[in-house]
Amino acid sequence: MENPLAIYLHDHLAGAAFAVDLLQAMRDKHSNDPLGEFAATILREVEQDRTTLKTLADRVGSGTSVLKEVSAWMSEKVSRIKLNRETHSLGTFEALEFLALGILGKLALWDALKTLPPSDNRLQGIDLDYLASRARTQHAQVEERRLAEARIVLAQR
């Protein structure tokens, strides 16, 4: 029987890889404007979170090929997002929406892990309360930008 926690963690690692790719693209395409700076800041935090998640996944053990399936699915979805150099574009708005949803998924992960008993040594040294708090802050920041984009992009005719 496969380890459900391992599968769950590896699924979230695929999501983290998606977020990193998207943030790198946003940072690079908007390197000379505030959106690029914003993406770079969030990217650093997401990479730190991914490192923590990888550490935890290594402790738990291997998952299944679900990681590859989820990665392929997310890559396909990302290919539909057309990030261009225009700050106020549908692609930017959709990218921010994907990020906001992904961060909520990460928050759900940290909250789910908090249901494990404190004696579970796999969680040793991982501050789930801090990670959940940071995810809430990241979501608020991304959501603020997403809604600002919505006001501009969705009003276009």
N, C-alpha and C. Protein backbone atom coordinates (compact mmCIF):
# COMPACT_ATOMS: atom_id res chain seq x y z
N MET A 1 0.84 -1.18 0.00
CA MET A 1 0.00 0.00 0.00
C MET A 1 0.89 1.25 0.00
N GLU A 2 0.50 2.21 -0.79
CA GLU A 2 1.29 3.43 -0.91
C GLU A 2 1.00 4.37 0.25
N ASN A 3 1.98 5.21 0.53
CA ASN A 3 1.88 6.15 1.64
C ASN A 3 1.11 7.40 1.18
N PRO A 4 -0.11 7.62 1.70
CA PRO A 4 -0.89 8.78 1.27
C PRO A 4 -0.19 10.11 1.52
N LEU A 5 0.53 10.23 2.63
CA LEU A 5 1.22 11.48 2.92
C LEU A 5 2.30 11.74 1.88
N ALA A 6 3.03 10.70 1.51
CA ALA A 6 4.08 10.87 0.50
C ALA A 6 3.49 11.34 -0.83
N ILE A 7 2.40 10.73 -1.22
CA ILE A 7 1.74 11.12 -2.48
C ILE A 7 1.28 12.56 -2.40
N TYR A 8 0.65 12.91 -1.29
CA TYR A 8 0.14 14.28 -1.09
C TYR A 8 1.27 15.30 -1.17
N LEU A 9 2.37 15.02 -0.50
CA LEU A 9 3.51 15.94 -0.51
C LEU A 9 4.10 16.08 -1.91
N HIS A 10 4.21 14.98 -2.62
CA HIS A 10 4.77 15.04 -3.97
C HIS A 10 3.84 15.77 -4.93
N ASP A 11 2.55 15.64 -4.72
CA ASP A 11 1.60 16.42 -5.52
C ASP A 11 1.82 17.91 -5.29
N HIS A 12 2.04 18.28 -4.04
CA HIS A 12 2.29 19.70 -3.72
C HIS A 12 3.65 20.16 -4.24
N LEU A 13 4.61 19.27 -4.31
CA LEU A 13 5.90 19.63 -4.92
C LEU A 13 5.72 19.97 -6.39
N ALA A 14 4.84 19.25 -7.07
CA ALA A 14 4.55 19.56 -8.47
C ALA A 14 3.93 20.95 -8.57
N GLY A 15 3.02 21.25 -7.66
CA GLY A 15 2.41 22.58 -7.65
C GLY A 15 3.44 23.67 -7.38
N ALA A 16 4.38 23.39 -6.49
CA ALA A 16 5.43 24.36 -6.19
C ALA A 16 6.31 24.60 -7.41
N ALA A 17 6.60 23.53 -8.15
CA ALA A 17 7.41 23.68 -9.37
C ALA A 17 6.69 24.56 -10.38
N PHE A 18 5.39 24.38 -10.49
CA PHE A 18 4.57 25.21 -11.37
C PHE A 18 4.67 26.68 -10.95
N ALA A 19 4.51 26.93 -9.66
CA ALA A 19 4.55 28.31 -9.16
C ALA A 19 5.91 28.95 -9.41
N VAL A 20 6.97 28.20 -9.19
CA VAL A 20 8.32 28.73 -9.43
C VAL A 20 8.49 29.09 -10.90
N ASP A 21 8.07 28.20 -11.80
CA ASP A 21 8.19 28.49 -13.23
C ASP A 21 7.42 29.74 -13.61
N LEU A 22 6.21 29.85 -13.11
CA LEU A 22 5.36 30.99 -13.43
C LEU A 22 5.96 32.30 -12.89
N LEU A 23 6.44 32.26 -11.66
CA LEU A 23 7.04 33.45 -11.07
C LEU A 23 8.33 33.85 -11.77
N GLN A 24 9.13 32.87 -12.17
CA GLN A 24 10.35 33.18 -12.91
C GLN A 24 10.02 33.86 -14.24
N ALA A 25 9.01 33.35 -14.92
CA ALA A 25 8.60 33.95 -16.20
C ALA A 25 8.10 35.37 -15.98
N MET A 26 7.32 35.57 -14.93
CA MET A 26 6.79 36.90 -14.64
C MET A 26 7.93 37.86 -14.28
N ARG A 27 8.85 37.39 -13.46
CA ARG A 27 10.00 38.22 -13.07
C ARG A 27 10.83 38.61 -14.29
N ASP A 28 11.08 37.64 -15.17
CA ASP A 28 11.94 37.90 -16.33
C ASP A 28 11.26 38.79 -17.37
N LYS A 29 9.99 38.59 -17.60
CA LYS A 29 9.28 39.39 -18.61
C LYS A 29 8.99 40.81 -18.14
N HIS A 30 9.01 41.01 -16.84
CA HIS A 30 8.72 42.34 -16.28
C HIS A 30 9.89 42.82 -15.42
N SER A 31 11.11 42.57 -15.90
CA SER A 31 12.29 42.84 -15.08
C SER A 31 12.49 44.32 -14.77
N ASN A 32 11.91 45.19 -15.55
CA ASN A 32 12.12 46.63 -15.33
C ASN A 32 10.90 47.35 -14.80
N ASP A 33 10.00 46.61 -14.19
CA ASP A 33 8.82 47.28 -13.63
C ASP A 33 8.43 46.65 -12.29
N PRO A 34 7.53 47.27 -11.56
CA PRO A 34 7.17 46.79 -10.23
C PRO A 34 6.63 45.36 -10.20
N LEU A 35 5.97 44.92 -11.26
CA LEU A 35 5.47 43.54 -11.30
C LEU A 35 6.61 42.54 -11.25
N GLY A 36 7.70 42.83 -11.95
CA GLY A 36 8.87 41.95 -11.92
C GLY A 36 9.51 41.90 -10.55
N GLU A 37 9.58 43.05 -9.89
CA GLU A 37 10.13 43.10 -8.53
C GLU A 37 9.24 42.31 -7.57
N PHE A 38 7.93 42.47 -7.72
CA PHE A 38 6.98 41.75 -6.89
C PHE A 38 7.14 40.24 -7.10
N ALA A 39 7.22 39.81 -8.36
CA ALA A 39 7.38 38.39 -8.66
C ALA A 39 8.68 37.85 -8.06
N ALA A 40 9.75 38.63 -8.12
CA ALA A 40 11.04 38.18 -7.56
C ALA A 40 10.95 37.98 -6.06
N THR A 41 10.24 38.87 -5.38
CA THR A 41 10.08 38.76 -3.93
C THR A 41 9.28 37.51 -3.56
N ILE A 42 8.15 37.32 -4.22
CA ILE A 42 7.31 36.15 -3.94
C ILE A 42 8.06 34.88 -4.32
N LEU A 43 8.81 34.92 -5.42
CA LEU A 43 9.58 33.77 -5.88
C LEU A 43 10.54 33.29 -4.80
N ARG A 44 11.25 34.21 -4.17
CA ARG A 44 12.21 33.81 -3.11
C ARG A 44 11.50 33.04 -2.00
N GLU A 45 10.33 33.52 -1.60
CA GLU A 45 9.59 32.86 -0.53
C GLU A 45 9.05 31.50 -0.98
N VAL A 46 8.55 31.43 -2.19
CA VAL A 46 8.01 30.17 -2.71
C VAL A 46 9.13 29.14 -2.83
N GLU A 47 10.32 29.58 -3.24
CA GLU A 47 11.45 28.65 -3.31
C GLU A 47 11.83 28.15 -1.92
N GLN A 48 11.78 29.01 -0.92
CA GLN A 48 12.05 28.58 0.46
C GLN A 48 11.01 27.56 0.91
N ASP A 49 9.75 27.84 0.61
CA ASP A 49 8.68 26.91 0.98
C ASP A 49 8.86 25.57 0.28
N ARG A 50 9.26 25.61 -0.99
CA ARG A 50 9.47 24.38 -1.75
C ARG A 50 10.62 23.57 -1.14
N THR A 51 11.67 24.25 -0.68
CA THR A 51 12.78 23.55 -0.03
C THR A 51 12.30 22.85 1.24
N THR A 52 11.49 23.54 2.03
CA THR A 52 10.93 22.93 3.24
C THR A 52 10.07 21.73 2.88
N LEU A 53 9.25 21.88 1.87
CA LEU A 53 8.38 20.79 1.44
C LEU A 53 9.20 19.60 0.94
N LYS A 54 10.28 19.87 0.21
CA LYS A 54 11.15 18.80 -0.29
C LYS A 54 11.81 18.07 0.88
N THR A 55 12.25 18.80 1.88
CA THR A 55 12.83 18.18 3.07
C THR A 55 11.83 17.24 3.72
N LEU A 56 10.61 17.71 3.87
CA LEU A 56 9.56 16.89 4.47
C LEU A 56 9.26 15.68 3.61
N ALA A 57 9.16 15.87 2.30
CA ALA A 57 8.87 14.75 1.39
C ALA A 57 9.99 13.71 1.45
N ASP A 58 11.23 14.15 1.56
CA ASP A 58 12.36 13.22 1.67
C ASP A 58 12.26 12.40 2.96
N ARG A 59 11.82 13.03 4.03
CA ARG A 59 11.67 12.31 5.30
C ARG A 59 10.57 11.25 5.21
N VAL A 60 9.51 11.58 4.51
CA VAL A 60 8.34 10.70 4.44
C VAL A 60 8.59 9.53 3.49
N GLY A 61 9.29 9.79 2.41
CA GLY A 61 9.54 8.73 1.43
C GLY A 61 8.96 9.09 0.08
N SER A 62 9.05 8.14 -0.82
CA SER A 62 8.65 8.43 -2.20
C SER A 62 7.15 8.34 -2.39
N GLY A 63 6.70 9.12 -3.34
CA GLY A 63 5.31 9.08 -3.76
C GLY A 63 5.22 8.20 -5.00
N THR A 64 4.22 8.43 -5.82
CA THR A 64 4.04 7.64 -7.03
C THR A 64 4.27 8.52 -8.25
N SER A 65 3.90 8.01 -9.38
CA SER A 65 4.05 8.77 -10.62
C SER A 65 3.03 9.90 -10.72
N VAL A 66 2.21 10.07 -9.70
CA VAL A 66 1.24 11.16 -9.70
C VAL A 66 1.97 12.48 -9.91
N LEU A 67 3.16 12.61 -9.36
CA LEU A 67 3.95 13.83 -9.53
C LEU A 67 4.12 14.15 -11.00
N LYS A 68 4.49 13.15 -11.79
CA LYS A 68 4.69 13.39 -13.22
C LYS A 68 3.39 13.77 -13.90
N GLU A 69 2.31 13.08 -13.52
CA GLU A 69 1.01 13.38 -14.13
C GLU A 69 0.57 14.80 -13.81
N VAL A 70 0.70 15.19 -12.55
CA VAL A 70 0.30 16.54 -12.15
C VAL A 70 1.20 17.58 -12.81
N SER A 71 2.49 17.30 -12.89
CA SER A 71 3.41 18.23 -13.54
C SER A 71 3.04 18.44 -15.00
N ALA A 72 2.72 17.36 -15.68
CA ALA A 72 2.33 17.47 -17.08
C ALA A 72 1.05 18.28 -17.23
N TRP A 73 0.09 18.02 -16.36
CA TRP A 73 -1.18 18.75 -16.41
C TRP A 73 -0.94 20.23 -16.17
N MET A 74 -0.15 20.55 -15.15
CA MET A 74 0.10 21.96 -14.84
C MET A 74 0.90 22.64 -15.94
N SER A 75 1.85 21.93 -16.52
CA SER A 75 2.62 22.52 -17.61
C SER A 75 1.71 22.87 -18.78
N GLU A 76 0.77 22.00 -19.04
CA GLU A 76 -0.18 22.26 -20.12
C GLU A 76 -1.01 23.50 -19.81
N LYS A 77 -1.45 23.62 -18.57
CA LYS A 77 -2.23 24.79 -18.17
C LYS A 77 -1.40 26.06 -18.28
N VAL A 78 -0.15 25.98 -17.85
CA VAL A 78 0.72 27.16 -17.90
C VAL A 78 0.97 27.57 -19.34
N SER A 79 1.03 26.62 -20.24
CA SER A 79 1.29 26.97 -21.64
C SER A 79 0.16 27.80 -22.22
N ARG A 80 -1.00 27.75 -21.62
CA ARG A 80 -2.13 28.55 -22.09
C ARG A 80 -2.04 30.00 -21.64
N ILE A 81 -1.29 30.23 -20.60
CA ILE A 81 -1.16 31.60 -20.09
C ILE A 81 -0.13 32.32 -20.93
N LYS A 82 -0.55 33.38 -21.50
CA LYS A 82 0.36 34.14 -22.36
C LYS A 82 0.84 35.38 -21.60
N LEU A 83 1.92 35.19 -20.90
CA LEU A 83 2.53 36.34 -20.24
C LEU A 83 3.24 37.15 -21.31
N ASN A 84 2.92 38.41 -21.38
CA ASN A 84 3.65 39.26 -22.30
C ASN A 84 4.21 40.44 -21.53
N ARG A 85 4.82 41.34 -22.23
CA ARG A 85 5.48 42.45 -21.56
C ARG A 85 4.51 43.51 -21.06
N GLU A 86 3.27 43.43 -21.46
CA GLU A 86 2.29 44.38 -20.97
C GLU A 86 1.92 44.02 -19.53
N THR A 87 2.02 44.98 -18.64
CA THR A 87 1.67 44.72 -17.25
C THR A 87 0.19 44.42 -17.13
N HIS A 88 -0.63 45.20 -17.79
CA HIS A 88 -2.07 45.04 -17.65
C HIS A 88 -2.61 44.21 -18.82
N SER A 89 -2.45 42.89 -18.72
CA SER A 89 -2.93 42.00 -19.77
C SER A 89 -3.71 40.86 -19.14
N LEU A 90 -4.50 40.20 -19.97
CA LEU A 90 -5.25 39.04 -19.49
C LEU A 90 -4.29 37.96 -19.00
N GLY A 91 -3.16 37.78 -19.68
CA GLY A 91 -2.19 36.78 -19.26
C GLY A 91 -1.65 37.04 -17.87
N THR A 92 -1.34 38.30 -17.58
CA THR A 92 -0.86 38.66 -16.25
C THR A 92 -1.94 38.42 -15.21
N PHE A 93 -3.15 38.84 -15.52
CA PHE A 93 -4.27 38.62 -14.60
C PHE A 93 -4.46 37.13 -14.32
N GLU A 94 -4.45 36.31 -15.37
CA GLU A 94 -4.63 34.86 -15.18
C GLU A 94 -3.46 34.25 -14.41
N ALA A 95 -2.25 34.71 -14.67
CA ALA A 95 -1.09 34.20 -13.94
C ALA A 95 -1.23 34.50 -12.45
N LEU A 96 -1.65 35.71 -12.13
CA LEU A 96 -1.85 36.07 -10.72
C LEU A 96 -2.96 35.23 -10.10
N GLU A 97 -3.99 34.94 -10.88
CA GLU A 97 -5.07 34.11 -10.36
C GLU A 97 -4.59 32.68 -10.08
N PHE A 98 -3.81 32.10 -11.00
CA PHE A 98 -3.24 30.78 -10.77
C PHE A 98 -2.38 30.78 -9.51
N LEU A 99 -1.57 31.82 -9.35
CA LEU A 99 -0.72 31.91 -8.16
C LEU A 99 -1.54 32.01 -6.89
N ALA A 100 -2.58 32.84 -6.92
CA ALA A 100 -3.43 32.99 -5.73
C ALA A 100 -4.05 31.65 -5.34
N LEU A 101 -4.54 30.92 -6.33
CA LEU A 101 -5.14 29.61 -6.05
C LEU A 101 -4.10 28.62 -5.54
N GLY A 102 -2.91 28.65 -6.13
CA GLY A 102 -1.85 27.75 -5.69
C GLY A 102 -1.41 28.04 -4.26
N ILE A 103 -1.36 29.30 -3.91
CA ILE A 103 -0.97 29.66 -2.54
C ILE A 103 -2.03 29.21 -1.55
N LEU A 104 -3.30 29.29 -1.94
CA LEU A 104 -4.36 28.75 -1.07
C LEU A 104 -4.19 27.25 -0.89
N GLY A 105 -3.77 26.56 -1.95
CA GLY A 105 -3.49 25.13 -1.84
C GLY A 105 -2.35 24.85 -0.89
N LYS A 106 -1.33 25.70 -0.94
CA LYS A 106 -0.19 25.55 -0.03
C LYS A 106 -0.63 25.78 1.41
N LEU A 107 -1.46 26.77 1.62
CA LEU A 107 -2.00 27.02 2.96
C LEU A 107 -2.79 25.81 3.45
N ALA A 108 -3.58 25.22 2.57
CA ALA A 108 -4.34 24.02 2.93
C ALA A 108 -3.40 22.88 3.31
N LEU A 109 -2.27 22.76 2.61
CA LEU A 109 -1.26 21.75 2.94
C LEU A 109 -0.74 21.95 4.36
N TRP A 110 -0.29 23.17 4.65
CA TRP A 110 0.28 23.42 5.98
C TRP A 110 -0.77 23.17 7.07
N ASP A 111 -2.00 23.61 6.82
CA ASP A 111 -3.07 23.38 7.81
C ASP A 111 -3.36 21.89 7.98
N ALA A 112 -3.34 21.14 6.89
CA ALA A 112 -3.58 19.69 6.98
C ALA A 112 -2.47 19.02 7.78
N LEU A 113 -1.24 19.45 7.57
CA LEU A 113 -0.12 18.86 8.31
C LEU A 113 -0.20 19.17 9.80
N LYS A 114 -0.83 20.30 10.14
CA LYS A 114 -0.98 20.64 11.56
C LYS A 114 -1.92 19.68 12.28
N THR A 115 -2.68 18.88 11.55
CA THR A 115 -3.56 17.90 12.19
C THR A 115 -2.81 16.66 12.64
N LEU A 116 -1.57 16.50 12.17
CA LEU A 116 -0.77 15.35 12.62
C LEU A 116 -0.33 15.58 14.06
N PRO A 117 -0.14 14.51 14.81
CA PRO A 117 0.26 14.68 16.21
C PRO A 117 1.63 15.36 16.32
N PRO A 118 1.80 16.23 17.32
CA PRO A 118 3.08 16.91 17.52
C PRO A 118 4.25 15.94 17.70
N SER A 119 3.96 14.74 18.11
CA SER A 119 5.02 13.75 18.32
C SER A 119 5.51 13.13 17.01
N ASP A 120 4.88 13.44 15.89
CA ASP A 120 5.29 12.89 14.60
C ASP A 120 6.66 13.47 14.24
N ASN A 121 7.69 12.63 14.32
CA ASN A 121 9.06 13.13 14.13
C ASN A 121 9.35 13.58 12.70
N ARG A 122 8.48 13.25 11.76
CA ARG A 122 8.69 13.71 10.38
C ARG A 122 8.53 15.23 10.28
N LEU A 123 7.81 15.82 11.24
CA LEU A 123 7.57 17.26 11.22
C LEU A 123 8.58 18.04 12.07
N GLN A 124 9.53 17.33 12.64
CA GLN A 124 10.51 17.95 13.53
C GLN A 124 11.24 19.10 12.83
N GLY A 125 11.27 20.25 13.49
CA GLY A 125 11.98 21.40 12.97
C GLY A 125 11.24 22.20 11.91
N ILE A 126 10.00 21.82 11.63
CA ILE A 126 9.21 22.54 10.63
C ILE A 126 8.14 23.34 11.35
N ASP A 127 8.19 24.64 11.21
CA ASP A 127 7.25 25.54 11.89
C ASP A 127 6.03 25.75 11.00
N LEU A 128 5.05 24.88 11.16
CA LEU A 128 3.86 24.92 10.32
C LEU A 128 3.04 26.18 10.54
N ASP A 129 3.02 26.69 11.76
CA ASP A 129 2.29 27.94 12.02
C ASP A 129 2.91 29.09 11.23
N TYR A 130 4.23 29.16 11.22
CA TYR A 130 4.92 30.21 10.46
C TYR A 130 4.65 30.06 8.97
N LEU A 131 4.75 28.82 8.47
CA LEU A 131 4.52 28.59 7.04
C LEU A 131 3.10 28.95 6.64
N ALA A 132 2.13 28.62 7.49
CA ALA A 132 0.74 28.97 7.20
C ALA A 132 0.56 30.48 7.21
N SER A 133 1.17 31.14 8.16
CA SER A 133 1.08 32.60 8.24
C SER A 133 1.70 33.25 7.00
N ARG A 134 2.84 32.73 6.59
CA ARG A 134 3.49 33.28 5.39
C ARG A 134 2.62 33.04 4.15
N ALA A 135 1.99 31.89 4.07
CA ALA A 135 1.10 31.62 2.93
C ALA A 135 -0.07 32.60 2.92
N ARG A 136 -0.61 32.90 4.09
CA ARG A 136 -1.71 33.88 4.16
C ARG A 136 -1.24 35.25 3.66
N THR A 137 -0.05 35.65 4.09
CA THR A 137 0.50 36.93 3.66
C THR A 137 0.76 36.94 2.15
N GLN A 138 1.35 35.86 1.64
CA GLN A 138 1.59 35.76 0.20
C GLN A 138 0.27 35.86 -0.57
N HIS A 139 -0.74 35.15 -0.09
CA HIS A 139 -2.03 35.17 -0.78
C HIS A 139 -2.60 36.58 -0.79
N ALA A 140 -2.54 37.26 0.33
CA ALA A 140 -3.08 38.62 0.41
C ALA A 140 -2.35 39.54 -0.58
N GLN A 141 -1.04 39.40 -0.68
CA GLN A 141 -0.27 40.24 -1.60
C GLN A 141 -0.62 39.95 -3.06
N VAL A 142 -0.69 38.67 -3.40
CA VAL A 142 -1.01 38.30 -4.77
C VAL A 142 -2.44 38.68 -5.10
N GLU A 143 -3.34 38.47 -4.16
CA GLU A 143 -4.75 38.80 -4.39
C GLU A 143 -4.95 40.30 -4.60
N GLU A 144 -4.21 41.10 -3.86
CA GLU A 144 -4.30 42.55 -4.04
C GLU A 144 -3.89 42.94 -5.47
N ARG A 145 -2.81 42.36 -5.95
CA ARG A 145 -2.36 42.64 -7.33
C ARG A 145 -3.35 42.08 -8.34
N ARG A 146 -3.87 40.89 -8.08
CA ARG A 146 -4.82 40.26 -9.01
C ARG A 146 -6.06 41.13 -9.18
N LEU A 147 -6.59 41.62 -8.07
CA LEU A 147 -7.79 42.44 -8.14
C LEU A 147 -7.51 43.79 -8.80
N ALA A 148 -6.33 44.34 -8.59
CA ALA A 148 -5.95 45.58 -9.29
C ALA A 148 -5.91 45.33 -10.79
N GLU A 149 -5.36 44.20 -11.20
CA GLU A 149 -5.33 43.84 -12.62
C GLU A 149 -6.75 43.64 -13.15
N ALA A 150 -7.59 43.01 -12.35
CA ALA A 150 -8.98 42.75 -12.78
C ALA A 150 -9.70 44.05 -13.10
N ARG A 151 -9.51 45.05 -12.26
CA ARG A 151 -10.18 46.34 -12.48
C ARG A 151 -9.80 46.94 -13.83
N ILE A 152 -8.57 46.73 -14.24
CA ILE A 152 -8.09 47.30 -15.50
C ILE A 152 -8.42 46.38 -16.68
N VAL A 153 -8.02 45.12 -16.56
CA VAL A 153 -8.11 44.19 -17.69
C VAL A 153 -9.56 43.84 -18.03
N LEU A 154 -10.36 43.54 -17.03
CA LEU A 154 -11.72 43.09 -17.31
C LEU A 154 -12.63 44.22 -17.75
N ALA A 155 -12.21 45.45 -17.56
CA ALA A 155 -13.01 46.60 -18.02
C ALA A 155 -12.74 46.93 -19.49
N GLN A 156 -11.67 46.33 -20.05
CA GLN A 156 -11.34 46.61 -21.45
C GLN A 156 -12.41 46.06 -22.37
N ARG A 157 -12.61 46.76 -23.49
CA ARG A 157 -13.62 46.30 -24.47
C ARG A 157 -12.96 46.03 -25.79
